[in-house]
Amino acid sequence: LEGVHNMQESTTYQAILRKGREQSREEGRIAGAQHFLIHVGTKRFGKPDSAILSAIEAIRDVERIGDLAERMLDPEVRDWNGLLGTS
């Protein structure tokens, strides 16, 4: 058990844990932003089809998702394809 304790105290082990926590947080932010975009977009454009859902789930940048959320306020954006630029 002493070896396990020493391993847990090592800077390498701590760095691995820290990186894992950071990645988990980022994944959580991405998932939350995607959920928000889908939820609000559904209110505005109706239920997205599977292609739209796949396109949103492929976006891994929180800022990009935020930009899309802002674009929903543009009255010229009338549907999911217009929002995502897939029309």
N, C-alpha and C. Protein backbone atom coordinates (compact mmCIF):
# COMPACT_ATOMS: atom_id res chain seq x y z
N LEU A 1 0.81 -1.21 0.00
CA LEU A 1 0.00 0.00 0.00
C LEU A 1 0.85 1.27 0.00
N GLU A 2 2.05 1.16 0.53
CA GLU A 2 2.92 2.33 0.55
C GLU A 2 3.26 2.78 -0.87
N GLY A 3 3.45 1.81 -1.78
CA GLY A 3 3.74 2.15 -3.18
C GLY A 3 2.60 2.91 -3.82
N VAL A 4 1.37 2.52 -3.50
CA VAL A 4 0.19 3.21 -4.04
C VAL A 4 0.16 4.64 -3.52
N HIS A 5 0.41 4.81 -2.24
CA HIS A 5 0.42 6.16 -1.64
C HIS A 5 1.50 7.02 -2.30
N ASN A 6 2.69 6.45 -2.50
CA ASN A 6 3.77 7.20 -3.14
C ASN A 6 3.39 7.58 -4.57
N MET A 7 2.74 6.66 -5.29
CA MET A 7 2.32 6.94 -6.66
C MET A 7 1.32 8.10 -6.67
N GLN A 8 0.36 8.06 -5.75
CA GLN A 8 -0.66 9.10 -5.69
C GLN A 8 -0.06 10.46 -5.37
N GLU A 9 1.04 10.48 -4.69
CA GLU A 9 1.70 11.73 -4.33
C GLU A 9 2.61 12.24 -5.45
N SER A 10 2.88 11.44 -6.45
CA SER A 10 3.83 11.85 -7.50
C SER A 10 3.24 12.98 -8.35
N THR A 11 4.12 13.84 -8.83
CA THR A 11 3.67 14.96 -9.66
C THR A 11 3.10 14.48 -10.99
N THR A 12 3.63 13.40 -11.52
CA THR A 12 3.12 12.85 -12.78
C THR A 12 1.69 12.36 -12.60
N TYR A 13 1.45 11.61 -11.54
CA TYR A 13 0.10 11.11 -11.25
C TYR A 13 -0.87 12.27 -11.06
N GLN A 14 -0.45 13.28 -10.31
CA GLN A 14 -1.30 14.44 -10.07
C GLN A 14 -1.60 15.19 -11.38
N ALA A 15 -0.60 15.28 -12.25
CA ALA A 15 -0.81 15.95 -13.54
C ALA A 15 -1.80 15.18 -14.40
N ILE A 16 -1.72 13.85 -14.38
CA ILE A 16 -2.67 13.03 -15.13
C ILE A 16 -4.09 13.25 -14.60
N LEU A 17 -4.24 13.27 -13.29
CA LEU A 17 -5.57 13.51 -12.70
C LEU A 17 -6.09 14.89 -13.07
N ARG A 18 -5.22 15.90 -13.00
CA ARG A 18 -5.62 17.27 -13.32
C ARG A 18 -6.07 17.36 -14.78
N LYS A 19 -5.31 16.74 -15.67
CA LYS A 19 -5.68 16.77 -17.09
C LYS A 19 -7.03 16.08 -17.31
N GLY A 20 -7.25 14.96 -16.65
CA GLY A 20 -8.53 14.26 -16.76
C GLY A 20 -9.69 15.11 -16.27
N ARG A 21 -9.49 15.82 -15.16
CA ARG A 21 -10.55 16.70 -14.65
C ARG A 21 -10.83 17.84 -15.62
N GLU A 22 -9.77 18.42 -16.20
CA GLU A 22 -9.95 19.50 -17.16
C GLU A 22 -10.71 19.02 -18.40
N GLN A 23 -10.36 17.84 -18.89
CA GLN A 23 -11.06 17.29 -20.05
C GLN A 23 -12.52 17.02 -19.73
N SER A 24 -12.79 16.52 -18.52
CA SER A 24 -14.17 16.25 -18.12
C SER A 24 -14.98 17.54 -18.05
N ARG A 25 -14.38 18.58 -17.50
CA ARG A 25 -15.07 19.88 -17.43
C ARG A 25 -15.38 20.41 -18.82
N GLU A 26 -14.40 20.32 -19.72
CA GLU A 26 -14.60 20.80 -21.09
C GLU A 26 -15.70 20.00 -21.78
N GLU A 27 -15.69 18.69 -21.62
CA GLU A 27 -16.74 17.86 -22.20
C GLU A 27 -18.11 18.26 -21.64
N GLY A 28 -18.16 18.56 -20.35
CA GLY A 28 -19.41 19.00 -19.73
C GLY A 28 -19.89 20.33 -20.29
N ARG A 29 -18.96 21.25 -20.50
CA ARG A 29 -19.33 22.55 -21.08
C ARG A 29 -19.85 22.37 -22.50
N ILE A 30 -19.19 21.54 -23.27
CA ILE A 30 -19.63 21.29 -24.66
C ILE A 30 -21.02 20.66 -24.67
N ALA A 31 -21.22 19.64 -23.85
CA ALA A 31 -22.52 18.96 -23.81
C ALA A 31 -23.62 19.92 -23.36
N GLY A 32 -23.32 20.75 -22.37
CA GLY A 32 -24.31 21.72 -21.90
C GLY A 32 -24.66 22.74 -22.97
N ALA A 33 -23.65 23.23 -23.68
CA ALA A 33 -23.90 24.21 -24.75
C ALA A 33 -24.70 23.57 -25.89
N GLN A 34 -24.36 22.34 -26.24
CA GLN A 34 -25.11 21.64 -27.29
C GLN A 34 -26.57 21.46 -26.86
N HIS A 35 -26.77 21.05 -25.63
CA HIS A 35 -28.13 20.85 -25.12
C HIS A 35 -28.92 22.16 -25.19
N PHE A 36 -28.28 23.25 -24.77
CA PHE A 36 -28.94 24.56 -24.80
C PHE A 36 -29.33 24.92 -26.23
N LEU A 37 -28.39 24.76 -27.17
CA LEU A 37 -28.65 25.10 -28.56
C LEU A 37 -29.81 24.28 -29.11
N ILE A 38 -29.82 23.01 -28.83
CA ILE A 38 -30.91 22.14 -29.30
C ILE A 38 -32.23 22.52 -28.65
N HIS A 39 -32.20 22.78 -27.36
CA HIS A 39 -33.43 23.11 -26.62
C HIS A 39 -34.05 24.42 -27.14
N VAL A 40 -33.24 25.47 -27.21
CA VAL A 40 -33.76 26.76 -27.66
C VAL A 40 -34.09 26.71 -29.15
N GLY A 41 -33.24 26.05 -29.92
CA GLY A 41 -33.51 25.92 -31.35
C GLY A 41 -34.80 25.18 -31.64
N THR A 42 -35.11 24.18 -30.82
CA THR A 42 -36.37 23.44 -30.99
C THR A 42 -37.56 24.36 -30.79
N LYS A 43 -37.45 25.26 -29.83
CA LYS A 43 -38.54 26.23 -29.60
C LYS A 43 -38.71 27.15 -30.81
N ARG A 44 -37.60 27.49 -31.45
CA ARG A 44 -37.65 28.44 -32.56
C ARG A 44 -37.91 27.76 -33.91
N PHE A 45 -37.24 26.63 -34.17
CA PHE A 45 -37.28 26.02 -35.50
C PHE A 45 -38.02 24.69 -35.56
N GLY A 46 -38.40 24.15 -34.43
CA GLY A 46 -39.01 22.83 -34.40
C GLY A 46 -37.96 21.77 -34.12
N LYS A 47 -38.43 20.55 -33.97
CA LYS A 47 -37.54 19.45 -33.63
C LYS A 47 -36.52 19.21 -34.74
N PRO A 48 -35.23 19.14 -34.39
CA PRO A 48 -34.21 18.91 -35.40
C PRO A 48 -34.20 17.44 -35.86
N ASP A 49 -33.89 17.23 -37.13
CA ASP A 49 -33.78 15.85 -37.61
C ASP A 49 -32.42 15.28 -37.22
N SER A 50 -32.19 14.03 -37.56
CA SER A 50 -30.97 13.36 -37.12
C SER A 50 -29.71 13.98 -37.73
N ALA A 51 -29.81 14.50 -38.95
CA ALA A 51 -28.65 15.14 -39.58
C ALA A 51 -28.26 16.42 -38.84
N ILE A 52 -29.26 17.18 -38.43
CA ILE A 52 -29.00 18.42 -37.67
C ILE A 52 -28.40 18.06 -36.31
N LEU A 53 -28.98 17.06 -35.64
CA LEU A 53 -28.44 16.65 -34.34
C LEU A 53 -26.99 16.20 -34.47
N SER A 54 -26.70 15.44 -35.51
CA SER A 54 -25.32 14.99 -35.74
C SER A 54 -24.38 16.17 -35.98
N ALA A 55 -24.85 17.14 -36.74
CA ALA A 55 -24.02 18.32 -37.03
C ALA A 55 -23.73 19.09 -35.75
N ILE A 56 -24.73 19.24 -34.88
CA ILE A 56 -24.53 19.95 -33.62
C ILE A 56 -23.60 19.16 -32.71
N GLU A 57 -23.80 17.86 -32.63
CA GLU A 57 -22.96 17.02 -31.77
C GLU A 57 -21.51 16.97 -32.26
N ALA A 58 -21.29 17.26 -33.54
CA ALA A 58 -19.93 17.27 -34.08
C ALA A 58 -19.17 18.55 -33.72
N ILE A 59 -19.89 19.58 -33.29
CA ILE A 59 -19.24 20.83 -32.92
C ILE A 59 -18.64 20.67 -31.53
N ARG A 60 -17.34 20.80 -31.42
CA ARG A 60 -16.63 20.57 -30.16
C ARG A 60 -16.06 21.86 -29.58
N ASP A 61 -16.51 23.01 -30.08
CA ASP A 61 -16.02 24.31 -29.65
C ASP A 61 -17.17 25.09 -29.01
N VAL A 62 -17.04 25.36 -27.72
CA VAL A 62 -18.10 26.06 -26.99
C VAL A 62 -18.35 27.44 -27.58
N GLU A 63 -17.30 28.13 -28.00
CA GLU A 63 -17.49 29.47 -28.59
C GLU A 63 -18.30 29.38 -29.88
N ARG A 64 -18.05 28.38 -30.69
CA ARG A 64 -18.80 28.20 -31.94
C ARG A 64 -20.27 27.94 -31.64
N ILE A 65 -20.54 27.14 -30.64
CA ILE A 65 -21.92 26.88 -30.25
C ILE A 65 -22.57 28.16 -29.75
N GLY A 66 -21.83 28.96 -28.99
CA GLY A 66 -22.34 30.25 -28.52
C GLY A 66 -22.66 31.19 -29.67
N ASP A 67 -21.79 31.19 -30.69
CA ASP A 67 -22.05 32.01 -31.87
C ASP A 67 -23.34 31.59 -32.56
N LEU A 68 -23.56 30.27 -32.65
CA LEU A 68 -24.80 29.77 -33.25
C LEU A 68 -26.02 30.18 -32.41
N ALA A 69 -25.88 30.14 -31.11
CA ALA A 69 -26.99 30.56 -30.23
C ALA A 69 -27.33 32.02 -30.48
N GLU A 70 -26.32 32.85 -30.64
CA GLU A 70 -26.56 34.27 -30.95
C GLU A 70 -27.22 34.43 -32.31
N ARG A 71 -26.82 33.61 -33.28
CA ARG A 71 -27.42 33.68 -34.62
C ARG A 71 -28.91 33.36 -34.60
N MET A 72 -29.35 32.62 -33.60
CA MET A 72 -30.79 32.31 -33.52
C MET A 72 -31.62 33.57 -33.34
N LEU A 73 -30.99 34.64 -32.85
CA LEU A 73 -31.69 35.91 -32.67
C LEU A 73 -31.87 36.67 -33.98
N ASP A 74 -31.14 36.29 -35.00
CA ASP A 74 -31.22 36.94 -36.30
C ASP A 74 -32.53 36.56 -36.98
N PRO A 75 -33.38 37.54 -37.27
CA PRO A 75 -34.67 37.21 -37.88
C PRO A 75 -34.55 36.60 -39.28
N GLU A 76 -33.40 36.77 -39.92
CA GLU A 76 -33.22 36.18 -41.25
C GLU A 76 -32.89 34.69 -41.18
N VAL A 77 -32.52 34.20 -40.01
CA VAL A 77 -32.28 32.77 -39.82
C VAL A 77 -33.63 32.14 -39.49
N ARG A 78 -34.14 31.32 -40.41
CA ARG A 78 -35.51 30.83 -40.28
C ARG A 78 -35.64 29.35 -39.99
N ASP A 79 -34.52 28.61 -40.07
CA ASP A 79 -34.60 27.18 -39.82
C ASP A 79 -33.23 26.65 -39.41
N TRP A 80 -33.19 25.37 -39.08
CA TRP A 80 -31.93 24.74 -38.65
C TRP A 80 -30.85 24.84 -39.71
N ASN A 81 -31.22 24.60 -40.96
CA ASN A 81 -30.24 24.65 -42.04
C ASN A 81 -29.67 26.06 -42.21
N GLY A 82 -30.51 27.05 -42.06
CA GLY A 82 -30.03 28.43 -42.11
C GLY A 82 -29.10 28.76 -40.96
N LEU A 83 -29.40 28.21 -39.81
CA LEU A 83 -28.57 28.44 -38.63
C LEU A 83 -27.19 27.81 -38.81
N LEU A 84 -27.18 26.57 -39.29
CA LEU A 84 -25.93 25.84 -39.41
C LEU A 84 -25.22 26.09 -40.75
N GLY A 85 -25.88 26.80 -41.64
CA GLY A 85 -25.29 27.06 -42.94
C GLY A 85 -25.24 25.82 -43.81
N THR A 86 -26.24 24.95 -43.65
CA THR A 86 -26.27 23.70 -44.42
C THR A 86 -27.33 23.70 -45.50
N SER A 87 -27.93 24.85 -45.77
CA SER A 87 -28.99 24.86 -46.79
C SER A 87 -28.44 25.00 -48.17
